[in-house]
PDB file of N, CA and C in Angstrom:
ATOM      1  N   MET A   1      31.156 174.162  97.896  1.00  0.00           N
ATOM      2  CA  MET A   1      32.776 173.583  97.572  1.00  0.00           C
ATOM      3  C   MET A   1      33.347 172.974  97.289  1.00  0.00           C
ATOM      4  N   PHE A   2      32.344 171.888  96.136  1.00  0.00           N
ATOM      5  CA  PHE A   2      32.627 171.433  94.890  1.00  0.00           C
ATOM      6  C   PHE A   2      33.308 172.190  94.059  1.00  0.00           C
ATOM      7  N   GLU A   3      32.905 173.419  94.411  1.00  0.00           N
ATOM      8  CA  GLU A   3      33.369 174.316  93.209  1.00  0.00           C
ATOM      9  C   GLU A   3      34.992 174.542  93.673  1.00  0.00           C
ATOM     10  N   GLU A   4      35.517 175.246  94.985  1.00  0.00           N
ATOM     11  CA  GLU A   4      36.492 174.494  94.821  1.00  0.00           C
ATOM     12  C   GLU A   4      37.310 173.617  95.263  1.00  0.00           C
ATOM     13  N   LEU A   5      37.177 172.671  95.177  1.00  0.00           N
ATOM     14  CA  LEU A   5      37.675 171.108  95.327  1.00  0.00           C
ATOM     15  C   LEU A   5      37.871 171.450  93.626  1.00  0.00           C
ATOM     16  N   HIS A   6      37.142 171.548  92.851  1.00  0.00           N
ATOM     17  CA  HIS A   6      37.058 171.080  90.976  1.00  0.00           C
ATOM     18  C   HIS A   6      37.880 172.230  90.524  1.00  0.00           C
ATOM     19  N   GLN A   7      38.307 173.219  91.068  1.00  0.00           N
ATOM     20  CA  GLN A   7      39.251 173.648  90.474  1.00  0.00           C
ATOM     21  C   GLN A   7      40.698 173.747  91.098  1.00  0.00           C
ATOM     22  N   LYS A   8      40.611 173.121  92.221  1.00  0.00           N
ATOM     23  CA  LYS A   8      42.253 172.679  92.386  1.00  0.00           C
ATOM     24  C   LYS A   8      42.552 171.398  92.260  1.00  0.00           C
ATOM     25  N   GLN A   9      41.660 170.673  92.178  1.00  0.00           N
ATOM     26  CA  GLN A   9      42.027 168.914  91.163  1.00  0.00           C
ATOM     27  C   GLN A   9      41.850 169.329  89.966  1.00  0.00           C
ATOM     28  N   SER A  10      41.266 169.726  89.619  1.00  0.00           N
ATOM     29  CA  SER A  10      41.551 170.239  87.766  1.00  0.00           C
ATOM     30  C   SER A  10      42.332 170.676  87.745  1.00  0.00           C
ATOM     31  N   GLN A  11      43.564 170.761  88.198  1.00  0.00           N
ATOM     32  CA  GLN A  11      44.657 171.515  87.788  1.00  0.00           C
ATOM     33  C   GLN A  11      45.793 170.267  88.107  1.00  0.00           C
ATOM     34  N   TRP A  12      45.083 169.401  88.487  1.00  0.00           N
ATOM     35  CA  TRP A  12      45.873 168.696  89.298  1.00  0.00           C
ATOM     36  C   TRP A  12      46.300 167.368  88.114  1.00  0.00           C
ATOM     37  N   THR A  13      47.897 167.638  87.913  1.00  0.00           N
ATOM     38  CA  THR A  13      47.975 166.317  86.703  1.00  0.00           C
ATOM     39  C   THR A  13      48.150 165.144  86.612  1.00  0.00           C
ATOM     40  N   VAL A  14      47.883 163.846  86.418  1.00  0.00           N
ATOM     41  CA  VAL A  14      48.588 162.751  86.685  1.00  0.00           C
ATOM     42  C   VAL A  14      48.804 162.610  85.315  1.00  0.00           C
ATOM     43  N   PRO A  15      50.316 161.706  84.774  1.00  0.00           N
ATOM     44  CA  PRO A  15      50.426 161.527  83.365  1.00  0.00           C
ATOM     45  C   PRO A  15      50.381 160.046  83.179  1.00  0.00           C
ATOM     46  N   ASP A  16      50.378 159.280  83.814  1.00  0.00           N
ATOM     47  CA  ASP A  16      49.836 158.363  83.800  1.00  0.00           C
ATOM     48  C   ASP A  16      48.509 157.903  83.456  1.00  0.00           C
ATOM     49  N   SER A  17      48.052 157.024  82.378  1.00  0.00           N
ATOM     50  CA  SER A  17      46.565 157.359  82.138  1.00  0.00           C
ATOM     51  C   SER A  17      45.708 156.549  83.077  1.00  0.00           C
ATOM     52  N   GLU A  18      45.903 155.161  83.007  1.00  0.00           N
ATOM     53  CA  GLU A  18      45.472 154.020  83.622  1.00  0.00           C
ATOM     54  C   GLU A  18      45.114 154.525  85.731  1.00  0.00           C
ATOM     55  N   LEU A  19      46.268 154.991  86.103  1.00  0.00           N
ATOM     56  CA  LEU A  19      46.192 155.423  87.288  1.00  0.00           C
ATOM     57  C   LEU A  19      44.933 157.094  87.315  1.00  0.00           C
ATOM     58  N   ARG A  20      45.671 158.080  86.220  1.00  0.00           N
ATOM     59  CA  ARG A  20      44.451 158.864  85.971  1.00  0.00           C
ATOM     60  C   ARG A  20      42.825 158.317  86.795  1.00  0.00           C
ATOM     61  N   GLU A  21      42.400 157.800  85.865  1.00  0.00           N
ATOM     62  CA  GLU A  21      41.194 156.867  85.436  1.00  0.00           C
ATOM     63  C   GLU A  21      41.084 156.109  86.265  1.00  0.00           C
ATOM     64  N   SER A  22      42.075 155.007  87.015  1.00  0.00           N
ATOM     65  CA  SER A  22      41.850 154.923  88.729  1.00  0.00           C
ATOM     66  C   SER A  22      41.357 155.825  89.831  1.00  0.00           C
ATOM     67  N   LEU A  23      41.836 157.063  89.771  1.00  0.00           N
ATOM     68  CA  LEU A  23      41.433 157.710  90.784  1.00  0.00           C
ATOM     69  C   LEU A  23      40.348 158.460  89.895  1.00  0.00           C
ATOM     70  N   ARG A  24      39.983 159.071  89.433  1.00  0.00           N
ATOM     71  CA  ARG A  24      38.344 159.299  88.775  1.00  0.00           C
ATOM     72  C   ARG A  24      37.454 158.732  89.449  1.00  0.00           C
ATOM     73  N   LEU A  25      37.485 157.464  88.898  1.00  0.00           N
ATOM     74  CA  LEU A  25      36.626 156.233  89.215  1.00  0.00           C
ATOM     75  C   LEU A  25      36.308 155.861  91.106  1.00  0.00           C
ATOM     76  N   ALA A  26      37.611 156.005  91.673  1.00  0.00           N
ATOM     77  CA  ALA A  26      37.083 155.789  93.287  1.00  0.00           C
ATOM     78  C   ALA A  26      37.314 156.942  93.458  1.00  0.00           C
ATOM     79  N   VAL A  27      36.834 158.438  92.773  1.00  0.00           N
ATOM     80  CA  VAL A  27      36.411 158.779  93.337  1.00  0.00           C
ATOM     81  C   VAL A  27      34.795 159.035  93.093  1.00  0.00           C
ATOM     82  N   ALA A  28      34.342 159.223  92.183  1.00  0.00           N
ATOM     83  CA  ALA A  28      33.067 159.275  91.795  1.00  0.00           C
ATOM     84  C   ALA A  28      32.105 158.147  92.573  1.00  0.00           C
ATOM     85  N   GLU A  29      33.657 156.651  92.836  1.00  0.00           N
ATOM     86  CA  GLU A  29      32.361 155.486  93.181  1.00  0.00           C
ATOM     87  C   GLU A  29      32.192 156.218  94.409  1.00  0.00           C
ATOM     88  N   VAL A  30      32.642 156.772  94.951  1.00  0.00           N
ATOM     89  CA  VAL A  30      32.018 157.180  96.068  1.00  0.00           C
ATOM     90  C   VAL A  30      31.428 158.684  96.524  1.00  0.00           C
ATOM     91  N   LEU A  31      31.471 160.082  95.618  1.00  0.00           N
ATOM     92  CA  LEU A  31      31.171 161.330  96.031  1.00  0.00           C
ATOM     93  C   LEU A  31      29.442 161.013  95.319  1.00  0.00           C
ATOM     94  N   LEU A  32      29.740 159.906  93.936  1.00  0.00           N
ATOM     95  CA  LEU A  32      28.245 159.955  92.920  1.00  0.00           C
ATOM     96  C   LEU A  32      27.042 159.629  93.918  1.00  0.00           C
ATOM     97  N   PRO A  33      27.143 158.396  93.984  1.00  0.00           N
ATOM     98  CA  PRO A  33      26.145 157.660  94.870  1.00  0.00           C
ATOM     99  C   PRO A  33      25.845 158.169  96.020  1.00  0.00           C
ATOM    100  N   ALA A  34      26.657 158.832  97.040  1.00  0.00           N
ATOM    101  CA  ALA A  34      25.940 159.624  98.303  1.00  0.00           C
ATOM    102  C   ALA A  34      25.953 161.367  97.731  1.00  0.00           C
ATOM    103  N   TYR A  35      25.795 161.697  96.506  1.00  0.00           N
ATOM    104  CA  TYR A  35      25.477 163.166  96.117  1.00  0.00           C
ATOM    105  C   TYR A  35      24.054 163.088  95.816  1.00  0.00           C
ATOM    106  N   ARG A  36      23.955 161.384  94.973  1.00  0.00           N
ATOM    107  CA  ARG A  36      22.468 160.938  94.091  1.00  0.00           C
ATOM    108  C   ARG A  36      21.412 160.790  95.623  1.00  0.00           C
ATOM    109  N   SER A  37      22.052 159.884  96.489  1.00  0.00           N
ATOM    110  CA  SER A  37      21.114 160.037  98.091  1.00  0.00           C
ATOM    111  C   SER A  37      20.859 161.179  98.716  1.00  0.00           C
ATOM    112  N   PHE A  38      21.691 162.117  98.206  1.00  0.00           N
ATOM    113  CA  PHE A  38      21.264 163.344  99.192  1.00  0.00           C
ATOM    114  C   PHE A  38      19.780 163.690  98.227  1.00  0.00           C
ATOM    115  N   VAL A  39      20.256 164.256  96.497  1.00  0.00           N
ATOM    116  CA  VAL A  39      19.587 165.063  96.168  1.00  0.00           C
ATOM    117  C   VAL A  39      18.362 164.070  96.190  1.00  0.00           C
ATOM    118  N   LYS A  40      17.799 162.921  96.454  1.00  0.00           N
ATOM    119  CA  LYS A  40      16.500 161.904  96.275  1.00  0.00           C
ATOM    120  C   LYS A  40      16.498 162.202  98.353  1.00  0.00           C
ATOM    121  N   ARG A  41      17.283 162.643  98.819  1.00  0.00           N
ATOM    122  CA  ARG A  41      16.354 162.089 100.336  1.00  0.00           C
ATOM    123  C   ARG A  41      16.215 163.794 100.635  1.00  0.00           C
ATOM    124  N   PHE A  42      16.303 164.814 100.040  1.00  0.00           N
ATOM    125  CA  PHE A  42      15.428 165.802 100.472  1.00  0.00           C
ATOM    126  C   PHE A  42      15.873 167.443  98.900  1.00  0.00           C
ATOM    127  N   GLY A  43      15.946 166.134  98.007  1.00  0.00           N
ATOM    128  CA  GLY A  43      15.782 167.339  96.977  1.00  0.00           C
ATOM    129  C   GLY A  43      14.449 168.303  96.977  1.00  0.00           C
ATOM    130  N   ALA A  44      13.351 167.928  97.359  1.00  0.00           N
ATOM    131  CA  ALA A  44      12.379 168.105  97.051  1.00  0.00           C
ATOM    132  C   ALA A  44      12.291 169.292  98.334  1.00  0.00           C
ATOM    133  N   LEU A  45      12.896 168.936  99.481  1.00  0.00           N
ATOM    134  CA  LEU A  45      12.275 170.117 100.801  1.00  0.00           C
ATOM    135  C   LEU A  45      13.540 171.586 100.288  1.00  0.00           C
ATOM    136  N   VAL A  46      14.689 170.729  99.464  1.00  0.00           N
ATOM    137  CA  VAL A  46      15.287 172.123  99.625  1.00  0.00           C
ATOM    138  C   VAL A  46      14.585 173.026  98.130  1.00  0.00           C
ATOM    139  N   GLU A  47      13.931 172.534  97.019  1.00  0.00           N
ATOM    140  CA  GLU A  47      13.432 173.112  96.035  1.00  0.00           C
ATOM    141  C   GLU A  47      12.211 173.870  96.821  1.00  0.00           C
ATOM    142  N   THR A  48      11.729 173.579  97.827  1.00  0.00           N
ATOM    143  CA  THR A  48      10.521 174.481  98.499  1.00  0.00           C
ATOM    144  C   THR A  48      11.400 175.508  99.076  1.00  0.00           C
ATOM    145  N   GLY A  49      12.092 175.581  99.738  1.00  0.00           N
ATOM    146  CA  GLY A  49      12.992 176.354 100.550  1.00  0.00           C
ATOM    147  C   GLY A  49      13.808 177.532  99.876  1.00  0.00           C
ATOM    148  N   LYS A  50      14.073 178.544 100.726  1.00  0.00           N
ATOM    149  CA  LYS A  50      14.683 179.935  99.898  1.00  0.00           C
ATOM    150  C   LYS A  50      15.844 179.233  99.509  1.00  0.00           C
ATOM    151  N   ASN A  51      15.738 179.770  98.340  1.00  0.00           N
ATOM    152  CA  ASN A  51      17.415 179.902  97.665  1.00  0.00           C
ATOM    153  C   ASN A  51      17.939 178.443  97.367  1.00  0.00           C
ATOM    154  N   PRO A  52      16.865 177.676  96.692  1.00  0.00           N
ATOM    155  CA  PRO A  52      17.762 176.452  96.327  1.00  0.00           C
ATOM    156  C   PRO A  52      19.286 176.119  96.089  1.00  0.00           C
ATOM    157  N   GLN A  53      18.595 176.582  94.407  1.00  0.00           N
ATOM    158  CA  GLN A  53      20.673 176.890  93.647  1.00  0.00           C
ATOM    159  C   GLN A  53      21.518 177.109  94.773  1.00  0.00           C
ATOM    160  N   LYS A  54      21.602 177.434  95.606  1.00  0.00           N
ATOM    161  CA  LYS A  54      22.611 177.595  96.944  1.00  0.00           C
ATOM    162  C   LYS A  54      22.934 176.039  97.245  1.00  0.00           C
ATOM    163  N   TYR A  55      22.065 175.433  97.779  1.00  0.00           N
ATOM    164  CA  TYR A  55      22.509 173.669  98.152  1.00  0.00           C
ATOM    165  C   TYR A  55      22.115 172.925  96.810  1.00  0.00           C
ATOM    166  N   ILE A  56      21.911 173.180  95.766  1.00  0.00           N
ATOM    167  CA  ILE A  56      21.504 171.752  94.979  1.00  0.00           C
ATOM    168  C   ILE A  56      22.087 172.351  93.685  1.00  0.00           C
ATOM    169  N   LYS A  57      23.027 172.610  93.637  1.00  0.00           N
ATOM    170  CA  LYS A  57      23.867 173.749  91.854  1.00  0.00           C
ATOM    171  C   LYS A  57      23.830 172.736  91.291  1.00  0.00           C
ATOM    172  N   TYR A  58      24.026 170.976  91.018  1.00  0.00           N
ATOM    173  CA  TYR A  58      24.647 170.505  89.464  1.00  0.00           C
ATOM    174  C   TYR A  58      23.378 168.891  89.848  1.00  0.00           C
ATOM    175  N   THR A  59      23.631 168.932  88.770  1.00  0.00           N
ATOM    176  CA  THR A  59      23.019 167.483  88.989  1.00  0.00           C
ATOM    177  C   THR A  59      24.533 166.562  88.676  1.00  0.00           C
ATOM    178  N   ALA A  60      23.910 165.319  89.384  1.00  0.00           N
ATOM    179  CA  ALA A  60      24.603 164.374  89.619  1.00  0.00           C
ATOM    180  C   ALA A  60      25.803 163.625  87.516  1.00  0.00           C
ATOM    181  N   ASP A  61      24.792 164.246  86.749  1.00  0.00           N
ATOM    182  CA  ASP A  61      25.640 164.219  85.417  1.00  0.00           C
ATOM    183  C   ASP A  61      26.296 165.417  85.274  1.00  0.00           C
ATOM    184  N   ASP A  62      26.278 166.392  85.532  1.00  0.00           N
ATOM    185  CA  ASP A  62      27.335 167.584  86.638  1.00  0.00           C
ATOM    186  C   ASP A  62      27.871 167.296  86.340  1.00  0.00           C
ATOM    187  N   LEU A  63      28.632 166.424  87.827  1.00  0.00           N
ATOM    188  CA  LEU A  63      29.823 166.229  88.730  1.00  0.00           C
ATOM    189  C   LEU A  63      29.994 165.453  88.086  1.00  0.00           C
ATOM    190  N   ASP A  64      29.380 164.245  87.094  1.00  0.00           N
ATOM    191  CA  ASP A  64      30.243 163.045  86.284  1.00  0.00           C
ATOM    192  C   ASP A  64      31.244 163.730  85.298  1.00  0.00           C
ATOM    193  N   ARG A  65      30.759 164.267  85.173  1.00  0.00           N
ATOM    194  CA  ARG A  65      31.344 165.190  83.985  1.00  0.00           C
ATOM    195  C   ARG A  65      32.500 166.501  84.072  1.00  0.00           C
ATOM    196  N   MET A  66      32.335 167.149  85.605  1.00  0.00           N
ATOM    197  CA  MET A  66      33.451 167.663  86.382  1.00  0.00           C
ATOM    198  C   MET A  66      34.182 166.818  86.825  1.00  0.00           C
ATOM    199  N   LEU A  67      33.411 165.630  87.098  1.00  0.00           N
ATOM    200  CA  LEU A  67      35.184 164.983  87.550  1.00  0.00           C
ATOM    201  C   LEU A  67      36.124 164.406  86.638  1.00  0.00           C
ATOM    202  N   GLY A  68      35.301 164.082  85.155  1.00  0.00           N
ATOM    203  CA  GLY A  68      36.741 164.103  83.962  1.00  0.00           C
ATOM    204  C   GLY A  68      37.554 164.648  84.034  1.00  0.00           C
ATOM    205  N   GLU A  69      37.600 166.209  84.395  1.00  0.00           N
ATOM    206  CA  GLU A  69      38.716 167.015  83.918  1.00  0.00           C
ATOM    207  C   GLU A  69      39.243 166.961  85.426  1.00  0.00           C
ATOM    208  N   PHE A  70      39.156 165.702  86.608  1.00  0.00           N
ATOM    209  CA  PHE A  70      40.376 166.227  87.124  1.00  0.00           C
ATOM    210  C   PHE A  70      41.141 165.419  86.921  1.00  0.00           C
ATOM    211  N   PHE A  71      42.580 165.873  87.188  1.00  0.00           N
ATOM    212  CA  PHE A  71      44.162 165.201  86.920  1.00  0.00           C
ATOM    213  C   PHE A  71      44.978 164.944  85.922  1.00  0.00           C
ATOM    214  N   GLU A  72      44.305 166.167  84.702  1.00  0.00           N
ATOM    215  CA  GLU A  72      44.806 165.705  83.571  1.00  0.00           C
ATOM    216  C   GLU A  72      44.929 167.066  83.580  1.00  0.00           C
ATOM    217  N   GLU A  73      45.526 167.471  82.074  1.00  0.00           N
ATOM    218  CA  GLU A  73      46.586 167.941  81.730  1.00  0.00           C
ATOM    219  C   GLU A  73      45.445 169.562  81.081  1.00  0.00           C
ATOM    220  N   LYS A  74      46.018 170.738  81.135  1.00  0.00           N
ATOM    221  CA  LYS A  74      45.132 171.449  80.673  1.00  0.00           C
ATOM    222  C   LYS A  74      44.781 171.243  78.910  1.00  0.00           C
ATOM    223  N   ASN A  75      45.554 171.440  78.564  1.00  0.00           N
ATOM    224  CA  ASN A  75      45.988 171.401  77.185  1.00  0.00           C
ATOM    225  C   ASN A  75      44.981 170.054  76.558  1.00  0.00           C
ATOM    226  N   MET A  76      44.951 168.435  77.383  1.00  0.00           N
ATOM    227  CA  MET A  76      44.090 167.790  77.091  1.00  0.00           C
ATOM    228  C   MET A  76      42.647 167.514  77.239  1.00  0.00           C
ATOM    229  N   ARG A  77      42.301 169.176  78.331  1.00  0.00           N
ATOM    230  CA  ARG A  77      41.001 169.441  78.840  1.00  0.00           C
ATOM    231  C   ARG A  77      40.034 169.371  77.262  1.00  0.00           C
ATOM    232  N   GLU A  78      41.000 171.093  77.209  1.00  0.00           N
ATOM    233  CA  GLU A  78      40.349 171.856  76.037  1.00  0.00           C
ATOM    234  C   GLU A  78      40.735 171.492  74.649  1.00  0.00           C
ATOM    235  N   THR A  79      40.810 170.425  74.416  1.00  0.00           N
ATOM    236  CA  THR A  79      41.016 169.097  73.819  1.00  0.00           C
ATOM    237  C   THR A  79      39.605 168.250  73.631  1.00  0.00           C
ATOM    238  N   LYS A  80      39.041 167.755  74.645  1.00  0.00           N
ATOM    239  CA  LYS A  80      37.873 167.335  74.437  1.00  0.00           C
ATOM    240  C   LYS A  80      36.926 168.207  74.731  1.00  0.00           C
ATOM    241  N   ARG A  81      36.713 169.017  75.146  1.00  0.00           N
ATOM    242  CA  ARG A  81      35.637 170.530  74.768  1.00  0.00           C
ATOM    243  C   ARG A  81      34.997 170.807  73.390  1.00  0.00           C
TER     244      ARG A  81
END
């Protein structure tokens, strides 16, 4: 599900840099703690099951990096990479 959201929201642009950063922080403040909690609570259980990569595809750092691509113009994203 995150891949779908990332694909859509990384195409949205917010020209105002302060607003763009505020939006990223607001998303990160909700998403990252919840994701870390999920991985901490269920990570071991998921890893011992079938197809663990199906359920935990990203680290919290991966998500944080991907959130940094939200709301930014494409040419600015390519410059950062």
